[in-house]
Amino acid sequence: MSPAKKTTQNQGVDPYLPQNGNFGYTVSRYELDLEYKVAINRLSGTATITAVTVAELGEFTLDLSSALSVSRVSVNGKRAARFGCRSGKLRVALESKLFAGAAMSVVVRYGGSPKPLRTLWGDVGFEELTDGVLVAGQPNGAASWFPCNDHPSAKAAFRIQISTESGYRAIANGKLVSSRARASQTVWTYEQPEPTSTYLVTLQIGVYESIRLTRTPVAIRAALPQRLQDNFDHDFARQPDMMELFIELFGPYPLADGYTVVVTDDALEIPLEAQGISIFGANHCTGTRASERLIAHELAHQWFGNSVTARRWRDIWLHEGFASYAEWLWSERSGGSSTAALARYHLGQLRQKPQDLLLADPGPRDMFDDRVYKRGALTLHALRGQLGDENFFALLKDWTTRYRHGNASTEDFTGLAANYSGESLRPLWEAWLFSTEVP
């Protein structure tokens, strides 16, 4: 069994999000058959969850927002003995116990008016736009719209079918396998075969035009309001070049069906990543290319964060530090500031900020602090300086290949990096990962 596959069995509670994640089973597939009414914010449907038990089970739980109510639960075709929702958990009691290793098909019928979850990091999850919807799932927002095992190591395949009013385009992860009109509704069906963390599953609904970029090494599509088309053509024009660079440096693009960019008609505070999709606000599409570094950052997450996902949230630098360093690599390749110049600048900025953050374990409150992003990028720049370009980029390709569609930790990365160095990397890791003072 490959290292990537081994980690998918290592599920459970993450100390950064102790209320999330569930024991006793491993999910391999979610099938969501949903209907959403935009005007009244009403979601209803059925989730079919295919799993296998890893322990004897008489009862089990799924993560699900209290804003949604459950009307029926069945397991392997039999109605559950009891079920109930409280404190963000759907608790299901079985008529008879399932042995370890048993197949489990769970069908949950549910509905309600979804809303974001209030968290330490603000509102997360299913959110209404002025005219439509977005889902921003990181780190624990998946339960705001479907029952799940919401833990980053609990990766699964997805099929998402969503029916909504025909004036809207619905976008979800994976390949669009069908869209069919039915009275005043259109039913959109997407298939995502690659193992995906629940927080990276998304739903985007809006009055969007669909376009496909040309001359791209990987299929790149976009969905955006028609009014932003000219700005988009300028601001996002260099995405094919970014894709080409990142394939050169990081290895093959990890998804079979390409990459989609959504630009909402509303402004968004920050862009968002999902598996195979990045979401930007109208404020990131102004015709000035002011957000180009963010466009590079979100694309890089398809390798770092989405395909190779941290096993624990404490290792978030493996997402954000790598995507931030990709911004610098793109800047240098596209004629902007060099990686060396950007490293010097951000090192100076970090030294002026509080030096109380441990990159390898920043704590839940600080895991999205900008210092994680910049210190993570600087750690990689320091590593590149010690290994040399040939070994450094060989390491990155090895990393994205070895843990493709799996989960990994800081220890996995430092262990792999040792294979590319002729001398001990311990002093570098101690200085950048395991000390609070900026080197």
Protein backbone atom coordinates (compact mmCIF):
# COMPACT_ATOMS: atom_id res chain seq x y z
CA MET A 1 0.00 0.00 0.00
CA SER A 2 1.39 3.43 -0.93
CA PRO A 3 2.07 6.06 1.77
CA ALA A 4 -0.74 8.19 0.32
CA LYS A 5 -3.26 5.40 0.63
CA LYS A 6 -2.16 4.47 4.13
CA THR A 7 -2.96 7.91 5.48
CA THR A 8 -6.62 7.75 4.43
CA GLN A 9 -7.18 5.18 7.18
CA ASN A 10 -5.78 7.53 9.82
CA GLN A 11 -9.00 9.40 10.46
CA GLY A 12 -10.38 10.84 13.64
CA VAL A 13 -10.47 13.99 15.67
CA ASP A 14 -8.06 16.82 14.91
CA PRO A 15 -7.10 18.83 18.01
CA TYR A 16 -7.51 22.06 16.01
CA LEU A 17 -11.14 21.08 15.23
CA PRO A 18 -12.10 18.65 17.99
CA GLN A 19 -15.81 18.76 17.12
CA ASN A 20 -15.16 17.54 13.57
CA GLY A 21 -14.44 14.07 12.25
CA ASN A 22 -16.02 10.77 13.18
CA PHE A 23 -14.73 7.36 14.22
CA GLY A 24 -15.57 3.84 13.16
CA TYR A 25 -15.85 3.98 9.38
CA THR A 26 -14.14 5.14 6.18
CA VAL A 27 -16.16 6.79 3.40
CA SER A 28 -15.27 5.97 -0.21
CA ARG A 29 -18.04 7.87 -2.03
CA TYR A 30 -20.72 10.52 -1.54
CA GLU A 31 -23.66 10.89 -3.91
CA LEU A 32 -25.61 14.11 -3.39
CA ASP A 33 -28.98 14.52 -5.14
CA LEU A 34 -30.08 18.04 -4.28
CA GLU A 35 -32.57 20.76 -5.16
CA TYR A 36 -31.96 24.40 -4.34
CA LYS A 37 -34.35 27.35 -4.61
CA VAL A 38 -32.31 30.53 -4.83
CA ALA A 39 -35.03 33.08 -3.99
CA ILE A 40 -35.98 31.45 -0.70
CA ASN A 41 -32.64 29.77 0.18
CA ARG A 42 -34.15 26.32 0.44
CA LEU A 43 -32.01 23.20 0.04
CA SER A 44 -33.46 19.69 0.03
CA GLY A 45 -32.25 16.33 -1.10
CA THR A 46 -30.63 13.02 -0.36
CA ALA A 47 -27.05 12.08 0.48
CA THR A 48 -25.99 8.49 -0.20
CA ILE A 49 -22.75 7.64 1.59
CA THR A 50 -20.78 4.50 0.74
CA ALA A 51 -18.45 3.43 3.53
CA VAL A 52 -16.79 0.50 5.25
CA THR A 53 -16.63 0.00 8.99
CA VAL A 54 -13.21 -0.08 10.65
CA ALA A 55 -14.64 -1.11 14.03
CA GLU A 56 -17.77 -2.85 15.25
CA LEU A 57 -20.57 -0.28 15.11
CA GLY A 58 -23.88 -0.10 16.94
CA GLU A 59 -24.12 3.62 16.27
CA PHE A 60 -22.17 6.27 14.40
CA THR A 61 -22.12 9.99 13.71
CA LEU A 62 -21.84 12.32 10.74
CA ASP A 63 -21.09 16.04 10.76
CA LEU A 64 -24.16 18.12 9.85
CA SER A 65 -25.22 21.69 10.60
CA SER A 66 -28.13 22.26 12.96
CA ALA A 67 -29.64 24.56 10.30
CA LEU A 68 -30.57 21.41 8.35
CA SER A 69 -33.15 18.88 9.51
CA VAL A 70 -33.11 15.17 8.77
CA SER A 71 -36.35 13.39 7.91
CA ARG A 72 -35.09 9.86 7.25
CA VAL A 73 -31.95 7.73 7.64
CA SER A 74 -31.42 4.22 6.36
CA VAL A 75 -28.38 1.97 6.56
CA ASN A 76 -27.99 -0.92 4.11
CA GLY A 77 -31.64 -0.54 3.11
CA LYS A 78 -33.02 -0.64 6.67
CA ARG A 79 -34.39 2.34 8.55
CA ALA A 80 -32.17 3.43 11.39
CA ALA A 81 -33.42 2.51 14.87
CA ARG A 82 -33.00 6.10 15.99
CA PHE A 83 -31.38 9.27 14.72
CA GLY A 84 -31.11 12.86 15.87
CA CYS A 85 -29.16 16.05 15.28
CA ARG A 86 -27.54 18.23 17.90
CA SER A 87 -24.33 20.17 18.33
CA GLY A 88 -23.36 19.74 14.67
CA LYS A 89 -23.66 15.94 14.70
CA LEU A 90 -26.16 13.56 13.13
CA ARG A 91 -26.22 10.57 15.47
CA VAL A 92 -27.50 7.29 14.06
CA ALA A 93 -28.33 4.16 16.07
CA LEU A 94 -28.49 0.85 14.16
CA GLU A 95 -31.09 -1.90 14.51
CA SER A 96 -28.25 -4.42 14.74
CA LYS A 97 -24.50 -4.03 15.00
CA LEU A 98 -22.19 -4.04 12.00
CA PHE A 99 -18.92 -5.94 12.27
CA ALA A 100 -15.56 -4.36 11.44
CA GLY A 101 -14.96 -4.53 7.71
CA ALA A 102 -18.66 -4.46 6.82
CA ALA A 103 -19.95 -2.47 3.85
CA MET A 104 -22.21 0.39 4.86
CA SER A 105 -24.55 2.37 2.57
CA VAL A 106 -26.10 5.28 4.43
CA VAL A 107 -28.95 7.28 2.90
CA VAL A 108 -29.87 10.58 4.56
CA ARG A 109 -32.88 12.61 3.45
CA TYR A 110 -32.60 16.19 4.68
CA GLY A 111 -33.39 19.84 3.98
CA GLY A 112 -33.58 23.35 5.34
CA SER A 113 -32.25 26.86 4.89
CA PRO A 114 -28.47 26.45 4.88
CA LYS A 115 -26.26 29.12 6.35
CA PRO A 116 -22.58 29.53 7.13
CA LEU A 117 -21.14 28.05 10.30
CA ARG A 118 -19.89 30.60 12.82
CA THR A 119 -16.29 29.67 13.58
CA LEU A 120 -13.05 30.97 15.01
CA TRP A 121 -12.18 32.04 11.44
CA GLY A 122 -15.46 33.80 10.64
CA ASP A 123 -18.40 32.46 8.64
CA VAL A 124 -17.52 29.23 6.81
CA GLY A 125 -19.48 27.07 4.40
CA PHE A 126 -22.71 27.63 2.45
CA GLU A 127 -23.31 31.34 1.87
CA GLU A 128 -25.89 33.33 -0.06
CA LEU A 129 -24.68 35.87 -2.59
CA THR A 130 -26.71 38.82 -3.87
CA ASP A 131 -28.05 36.51 -6.58
CA GLY A 132 -26.75 33.01 -6.07
CA VAL A 133 -24.65 30.91 -3.74
CA LEU A 134 -21.08 30.01 -2.93
CA VAL A 135 -19.60 27.37 -0.67
CA ALA A 136 -16.32 28.20 1.07
CA GLY A 137 -15.62 25.00 2.96
CA GLN A 138 -12.19 25.54 4.54
CA PRO A 139 -11.64 24.30 7.16
CA ASN A 140 -14.92 22.89 8.48
CA GLY A 141 -17.76 24.19 6.30
CA ALA A 142 -18.79 21.02 4.44
CA ALA A 143 -21.33 20.13 7.13
CA SER A 144 -23.20 23.37 6.35
CA TRP A 145 -24.72 21.68 3.28
CA PHE A 146 -24.33 17.89 3.42
CA PRO A 147 -23.81 15.16 6.05
CA CYS A 148 -20.21 13.98 6.01
CA ASN A 149 -17.10 12.90 7.84
CA ASP A 150 -15.54 16.35 7.76
CA HIS A 151 -11.88 15.62 8.34
CA PRO A 152 -9.07 16.45 5.87
CA SER A 153 -7.77 12.86 5.79
CA ALA A 154 -11.24 11.45 5.05
CA LYS A 155 -11.01 11.68 1.26
CA ALA A 156 -13.68 10.23 -1.03
CA ALA A 157 -15.10 10.36 -4.55
CA PHE A 158 -18.17 12.53 -5.19
CA ARG A 159 -21.17 12.66 -7.46
CA ILE A 160 -23.14 15.89 -7.12
CA GLN A 161 -26.51 16.40 -8.79
CA ILE A 162 -28.10 19.79 -8.21
CA SER A 163 -31.41 21.07 -9.56
CA THR A 164 -32.00 24.81 -9.56
CA GLU A 165 -33.83 27.51 -11.53
CA SER A 166 -32.87 27.53 -15.20
CA GLY A 167 -31.64 31.13 -15.17
CA TYR A 168 -28.68 30.03 -13.07
CA ARG A 169 -25.57 27.98 -13.77
CA ALA A 170 -24.60 25.49 -11.07
CA ILE A 171 -20.95 24.49 -10.74
CA ALA A 172 -19.54 21.71 -8.60
CA ASN A 173 -16.37 19.62 -8.51
CA GLY A 174 -15.36 17.29 -11.29
CA LYS A 175 -16.63 16.65 -14.78
CA LEU A 176 -19.99 18.00 -15.88
CA VAL A 177 -21.55 14.76 -17.12
CA SER A 178 -25.00 16.19 -17.91
CA SER A 179 -27.19 19.28 -17.73
CA ARG A 180 -30.83 18.85 -18.60
CA ALA A 181 -33.75 21.25 -18.45
CA ARG A 182 -36.87 20.05 -16.67
CA ALA A 183 -39.77 22.52 -16.67
CA SER A 184 -38.33 25.71 -15.13
CA GLN A 185 -35.43 23.83 -13.55
CA THR A 186 -32.07 22.63 -14.84
CA VAL A 187 -30.42 19.57 -13.34
CA TRP A 188 -26.60 19.66 -13.30
CA THR A 189 -24.65 16.48 -12.61
CA TYR A 190 -20.94 16.40 -11.78
CA GLU A 191 -18.64 13.45 -11.17
CA GLN A 192 -15.44 13.84 -9.14
CA PRO A 193 -13.58 10.50 -9.16
CA GLU A 194 -10.34 11.66 -7.52
CA PRO A 195 -10.26 11.31 -3.71
CA THR A 196 -11.25 14.68 -2.28
CA SER A 197 -11.39 16.13 1.24
CA THR A 198 -14.88 17.25 2.20
CA TYR A 199 -13.80 20.86 2.82
CA LEU A 200 -12.67 21.03 -0.83
CA VAL A 201 -16.11 20.12 -2.18
CA THR A 202 -18.01 23.14 -3.39
CA LEU A 203 -21.21 24.39 -4.98
CA GLN A 204 -21.37 27.66 -6.90
CA ILE A 205 -24.63 29.02 -8.30
CA GLY A 206 -25.00 32.27 -10.22
CA VAL A 207 -26.01 33.98 -13.43
CA TYR A 208 -22.77 32.98 -15.14
CA GLU A 209 -21.49 32.75 -18.68
CA SER A 210 -19.24 29.77 -19.37
CA ILE A 211 -16.07 30.16 -21.42
CA ARG A 212 -13.08 27.98 -22.18
CA LEU A 213 -9.58 29.38 -22.48
CA THR A 214 -7.59 28.43 -25.57
CA ARG A 215 -3.97 27.31 -25.97
CA THR A 216 -3.87 25.68 -22.54
CA PRO A 217 -1.77 22.62 -21.59
CA VAL A 218 -4.68 21.54 -19.38
CA ALA A 219 -8.33 22.41 -20.01
CA ILE A 220 -9.16 25.70 -18.25
CA ARG A 221 -12.74 26.91 -18.02
CA ALA A 222 -14.32 29.94 -16.40
CA ALA A 223 -17.78 30.94 -15.19
CA LEU A 224 -18.45 34.62 -14.61
CA PRO A 225 -20.99 37.43 -15.05
CA GLN A 226 -21.07 38.71 -18.61
CA ARG A 227 -20.27 42.24 -17.43
CA LEU A 228 -16.82 41.10 -16.27
CA GLN A 229 -15.79 39.37 -19.50
CA ASP A 230 -13.41 42.10 -20.74
CA ASN A 231 -11.73 42.45 -17.33
CA PHE A 232 -11.37 38.68 -17.09
CA ASP A 233 -9.77 38.44 -20.53
CA HIS A 234 -7.01 40.75 -19.30
CA ASP A 235 -6.64 39.74 -15.64
CA PHE A 236 -6.67 35.96 -16.17
CA ALA A 237 -4.96 35.89 -19.58
CA ARG A 238 -1.73 34.42 -18.23
CA GLN A 239 -3.30 31.40 -16.54
CA PRO A 240 -2.16 29.06 -19.35
CA ASP A 241 1.43 30.22 -18.77
CA MET A 242 1.04 29.66 -15.02
CA MET A 243 -0.27 26.17 -15.67
CA GLU A 244 2.67 25.43 -17.94
CA LEU A 245 5.17 26.67 -15.34
CA PHE A 246 3.63 24.75 -12.47
CA ILE A 247 3.50 21.52 -14.48
CA GLU A 248 7.19 22.05 -15.28
CA LEU A 249 8.14 22.66 -11.63
CA PHE A 250 5.61 20.59 -9.64
CA GLY A 251 4.75 17.71 -11.97
CA PRO A 252 1.57 16.79 -13.87
CA TYR A 253 -1.65 18.60 -13.08
CA PRO A 254 -3.37 16.20 -10.68
CA LEU A 255 -6.96 16.18 -12.00
CA ALA A 256 -8.29 14.54 -15.14
CA ASP A 257 -10.97 17.09 -15.94
CA GLY A 258 -8.92 20.29 -15.84
CA TYR A 259 -9.40 23.50 -13.91
CA THR A 260 -12.32 25.90 -13.47
CA VAL A 261 -12.29 29.51 -12.28
CA VAL A 262 -15.48 31.08 -10.94
CA VAL A 263 -15.79 34.86 -10.60
CA THR A 264 -18.80 35.91 -8.51
CA ASP A 265 -20.79 39.07 -9.15
CA ASP A 266 -20.15 40.03 -5.52
CA ALA A 267 -16.88 41.17 -3.96
CA LEU A 268 -15.12 38.55 -1.82
CA GLU A 269 -12.64 39.25 0.95
CA ILE A 270 -10.26 36.55 -0.29
CA PRO A 271 -10.26 34.00 -3.14
CA LEU A 272 -11.12 30.42 -2.25
CA GLU A 273 -9.76 27.06 -3.36
CA ALA A 274 -11.71 23.88 -3.99
CA GLN A 275 -10.79 20.62 -5.73
CA GLY A 276 -10.33 21.60 -9.39
CA ILE A 277 -11.96 25.00 -8.84
CA SER A 278 -10.91 28.45 -7.61
CA ILE A 279 -13.40 31.16 -6.69
CA PHE A 280 -12.70 34.87 -7.00
CA GLY A 281 -14.82 37.95 -6.34
CA ALA A 282 -15.63 40.73 -8.77
CA ASN A 283 -13.05 42.80 -6.87
CA HIS A 284 -10.35 40.40 -8.11
CA CYS A 285 -11.39 41.00 -11.72
CA THR A 286 -10.87 44.72 -12.30
CA GLY A 287 -8.94 44.80 -15.56
CA THR A 288 -5.72 45.86 -13.80
CA ARG A 289 -4.06 42.46 -13.09
CA ALA A 290 -3.80 43.60 -9.48
CA SER A 291 -4.76 40.11 -8.26
CA GLU A 292 -2.42 38.07 -10.46
CA ARG A 293 -0.40 36.74 -7.52
CA LEU A 294 -3.65 35.41 -6.02
CA ILE A 295 -4.54 33.74 -9.32
CA ALA A 296 -1.18 31.94 -9.19
CA HIS A 297 -1.66 31.10 -5.51
CA GLU A 298 -5.06 29.45 -6.02
CA LEU A 299 -3.88 27.47 -9.04
CA ALA A 300 -0.89 26.14 -7.07
CA HIS A 301 -3.28 24.80 -4.41
CA GLN A 302 -4.40 22.15 -6.89
CA TRP A 303 -1.03 20.46 -6.20
CA PHE A 304 -0.38 21.71 -2.66
CA GLY A 305 -3.42 21.42 -0.41
CA ASN A 306 -5.95 19.83 -2.72
CA SER A 307 -4.09 16.81 -4.14
CA VAL A 308 -1.52 16.58 -1.33
CA THR A 309 -3.55 17.50 1.74
CA ALA A 310 -2.31 18.01 5.27
CA ARG A 311 -3.18 15.07 7.51
CA ARG A 312 -3.65 17.48 10.43
CA TRP A 313 -4.53 21.16 10.38
CA ARG A 314 -1.35 21.99 12.31
CA ASP A 315 0.52 21.24 9.05
CA ILE A 316 -1.33 23.98 7.12
CA TRP A 317 2.01 25.47 6.03
CA LEU A 318 2.22 22.54 3.59
CA HIS A 319 -0.70 24.21 1.79
CA GLU A 320 -0.18 27.92 2.25
CA GLY A 321 3.62 28.13 2.33
CA PHE A 322 3.86 26.15 -0.90
CA ALA A 323 1.14 28.14 -2.68
CA SER A 324 2.75 31.39 -1.52
CA TYR A 325 6.13 30.28 -2.85
CA ALA A 326 4.42 29.45 -6.15
CA GLU A 327 3.39 33.13 -6.31
CA TRP A 328 7.07 34.09 -6.11
CA LEU A 329 8.07 31.54 -8.73
CA TRP A 330 5.43 32.94 -11.07
CA SER A 331 6.55 36.52 -10.39
CA GLU A 332 10.11 35.66 -11.37
CA ARG A 333 9.10 33.72 -14.49
CA SER A 334 6.69 36.44 -15.68
CA GLY A 335 9.18 39.31 -15.41
CA GLY A 336 8.25 40.56 -11.94
CA SER A 337 10.33 40.56 -8.77
CA SER A 338 12.70 37.62 -8.34
CA THR A 339 12.20 34.98 -5.67
CA ALA A 340 15.34 36.30 -3.93
CA ALA A 341 13.99 39.87 -3.88
CA LEU A 342 10.60 38.74 -2.60
CA ALA A 343 12.25 36.59 0.07
CA ARG A 344 14.34 39.55 1.29
CA TYR A 345 11.28 41.79 1.39
CA HIS A 346 9.05 39.36 3.28
CA LEU A 347 11.83 38.41 5.68
CA GLY A 348 12.11 42.08 6.61
CA GLN A 349 8.33 42.30 7.05
CA LEU A 350 8.24 39.19 9.25
CA ARG A 351 10.96 40.53 11.51
CA GLN A 352 8.74 43.53 12.28
CA LYS A 353 5.85 41.34 13.41
CA PRO A 354 5.40 39.40 16.66
CA GLN A 355 7.74 36.41 16.71
CA ASP A 356 5.49 34.07 18.63
CA LEU A 357 4.30 31.77 15.85
CA LEU A 358 5.53 28.19 15.51
CA LEU A 359 5.20 27.30 11.84
CA ALA A 360 4.93 23.54 12.43
CA ASP A 361 2.14 24.08 14.99
CA PRO A 362 0.69 27.61 14.82
CA GLY A 363 -2.44 26.82 16.83
CA PRO A 364 -6.01 26.97 15.54
CA ARG A 365 -6.41 30.72 16.00
CA ASP A 366 -3.33 31.48 13.89
CA MET A 367 -3.45 28.75 11.28
CA PHE A 368 -4.56 31.22 8.59
CA ASP A 369 -2.33 34.04 9.85
CA ASP A 370 -0.36 35.69 7.05
CA ARG A 371 2.85 34.78 8.88
CA VAL A 372 2.12 31.08 8.17
CA TYR A 373 1.95 31.90 4.45
CA LYS A 374 5.08 34.02 4.29
CA ARG A 375 7.21 32.07 6.75
CA GLY A 376 6.21 28.89 4.93
CA ALA A 377 7.38 30.37 1.63
CA LEU A 378 10.62 31.54 3.22
CA THR A 379 11.21 28.05 4.62
CA LEU A 380 11.01 26.66 1.11
CA HIS A 381 13.31 29.37 -0.22
CA ALA A 382 15.87 28.53 2.46
CA LEU A 383 15.54 24.83 1.60
CA ARG A 384 16.01 25.61 -2.10
CA GLY A 385 19.18 27.52 -1.25
CA GLN A 386 20.58 24.54 0.64
CA LEU A 387 19.55 21.82 -1.84
CA GLY A 388 20.13 23.70 -5.09
CA ASP A 389 17.51 24.07 -7.82
CA GLU A 390 17.88 20.61 -9.34
CA ASN A 391 17.35 18.75 -6.06
CA PHE A 392 14.74 21.19 -4.76
CA PHE A 393 12.42 20.86 -7.73
CA ALA A 394 13.04 17.11 -7.92
CA LEU A 395 11.88 16.98 -4.29
CA LEU A 396 8.69 18.91 -5.09
CA LYS A 397 7.85 16.54 -7.95
CA ASP A 398 8.55 13.54 -5.73
CA TRP A 399 6.29 15.05 -3.05
CA THR A 400 3.34 15.65 -5.40
CA THR A 401 3.73 12.18 -6.93
CA ARG A 402 4.23 10.18 -3.75
CA TYR A 403 1.29 11.73 -1.89
CA ARG A 404 -0.97 12.43 -4.86
CA HIS A 405 -4.64 12.44 -3.77
CA GLY A 406 -3.50 11.50 -0.28
CA ASN A 407 -2.49 13.09 2.99
CA ALA A 408 0.87 13.98 4.44
CA SER A 409 2.49 15.68 7.41
CA THR A 410 5.43 17.96 8.11
CA GLU A 411 7.37 14.87 9.21
CA ASP A 412 6.67 13.26 5.84
CA PHE A 413 8.07 16.29 4.05
CA THR A 414 11.19 16.66 6.18
CA GLY A 415 11.81 12.91 5.88
CA LEU A 416 11.52 13.01 2.11
CA ALA A 417 13.71 16.12 1.84
CA ALA A 418 16.52 14.28 3.65
CA ASN A 419 16.88 12.09 0.55
CA TYR A 420 17.84 15.16 -1.50
CA SER A 421 20.48 16.60 0.80
CA GLY A 422 24.08 15.56 1.34
CA GLU A 423 24.09 17.04 4.84
CA SER A 424 21.68 17.19 7.75
CA LEU A 425 18.70 19.52 7.31
CA ARG A 426 17.95 19.49 11.04
CA PRO A 427 19.40 23.01 11.67
CA LEU A 428 17.22 24.42 8.88
CA TRP A 429 14.07 22.76 10.21
CA GLU A 430 14.84 23.80 13.79
CA ALA A 431 15.27 27.42 12.71
CA TRP A 432 12.26 27.71 10.40
CA LEU A 433 9.69 25.14 11.56
CA PHE A 434 10.30 24.49 15.24
CA SER A 435 11.40 27.90 16.59
CA THR A 436 9.28 31.01 16.94
CA GLU A 437 12.07 33.51 16.30
CA VAL A 438 12.49 34.48 12.64
CA PRO A 439 15.93 33.30 11.48
